[in-house]
Amino acid sequence: MAQRLWLTPMFLVLFVLAGCQSSHQVELKPVEIKPIHITIDVNVKVDRALDNFFNDIDAAEDKIKQD
């Protein structure tokens, strides 16, 4: 009976210590950098600039017709 009282804590300590051990391995692979292609649509800016330009011309024509 006395042996069992000592064996139980010994096994518990053994299991706790075994659970604390860990091993980690990290692999580093070379990073491949690929070119990035970006397409920007600037049609909106051009359309707005043309609208402003032609609105100015239309306003000038309307002013001439009123005079």
Protein backbone atom coordinates (compact mmCIF):
# COMPACT_ATOMS: atom_id res chain seq x y z
CA MET A 1 0.00 0.00 0.00
CA ALA A 2 2.82 2.40 0.78
CA GLN A 3 4.34 1.66 -2.62
CA ARG A 4 1.13 2.66 -4.36
CA LEU A 5 1.07 5.97 -2.53
CA TRP A 6 4.52 6.76 -3.91
CA LEU A 7 3.92 5.37 -7.40
CA THR A 8 0.86 7.51 -8.13
CA PRO A 9 2.59 10.89 -7.58
CA MET A 10 5.67 9.63 -9.43
CA PHE A 11 3.58 8.73 -12.50
CA LEU A 12 1.73 12.05 -12.30
CA VAL A 13 5.03 13.95 -12.21
CA LEU A 14 6.35 11.85 -15.10
CA PHE A 15 3.25 12.56 -17.23
CA VAL A 16 3.33 16.29 -16.42
CA LEU A 17 7.02 16.57 -17.33
CA ALA A 18 6.50 14.55 -20.51
CA GLY A 19 3.64 16.87 -21.52
CA CYS A 20 5.85 19.94 -21.09
CA GLN A 21 8.37 18.80 -23.65
CA SER A 22 7.76 20.01 -27.16
CA SER A 23 9.67 20.37 -30.36
CA HIS A 24 9.07 22.79 -33.21
CA GLN A 25 10.63 22.94 -36.63
CA VAL A 26 10.33 25.87 -39.01
CA GLU A 27 11.22 25.57 -42.67
CA LEU A 28 12.33 28.68 -44.53
CA LYS A 29 11.74 28.58 -48.25
CA PRO A 30 12.97 31.22 -50.69
CA VAL A 31 10.37 33.84 -51.53
CA GLU A 32 9.54 34.25 -55.21
CA ILE A 33 8.65 37.79 -56.24
CA LYS A 34 6.53 38.05 -59.37
CA PRO A 35 5.89 41.25 -61.32
CA ILE A 36 2.58 42.98 -60.75
CA HIS A 37 0.65 44.42 -63.69
CA ILE A 38 -1.70 47.29 -62.87
CA THR A 39 -4.20 48.74 -65.31
CA ILE A 40 -5.70 52.11 -64.40
CA ASP A 41 -8.78 53.35 -66.19
CA VAL A 42 -8.53 57.12 -66.71
CA ASN A 43 -11.55 57.49 -68.96
CA VAL A 44 -13.60 59.09 -66.20
CA LYS A 45 -11.14 61.95 -65.77
CA VAL A 46 -10.95 62.51 -69.53
CA ASP A 47 -14.75 62.45 -69.85
CA ARG A 48 -15.14 65.00 -67.06
CA ALA A 49 -12.50 67.26 -68.57
CA LEU A 50 -14.21 67.09 -71.97
CA ASP A 51 -17.62 67.77 -70.41
CA ASN A 52 -16.25 70.83 -68.64
CA PHE A 53 -14.60 72.04 -71.85
CA PHE A 54 -17.71 71.61 -73.96
CA ASN A 55 -19.97 73.06 -71.26
CA ASP A 56 -17.84 76.20 -71.33
CA ILE A 57 -18.17 76.39 -75.13
CA ASP A 58 -21.94 75.77 -74.94
CA ALA A 59 -22.29 78.49 -72.30
CA ALA A 60 -20.34 80.92 -74.46
CA GLU A 61 -22.51 80.09 -77.50
CA ASP A 62 -25.69 80.56 -75.46
CA LYS A 63 -24.44 83.90 -74.26
CA ILE A 64 -23.70 85.00 -77.83
CA LYS A 65 -27.19 83.91 -78.97
CA GLN A 66 -28.84 85.86 -76.15
CA ASP A 67 -26.97 89.02 -77.05
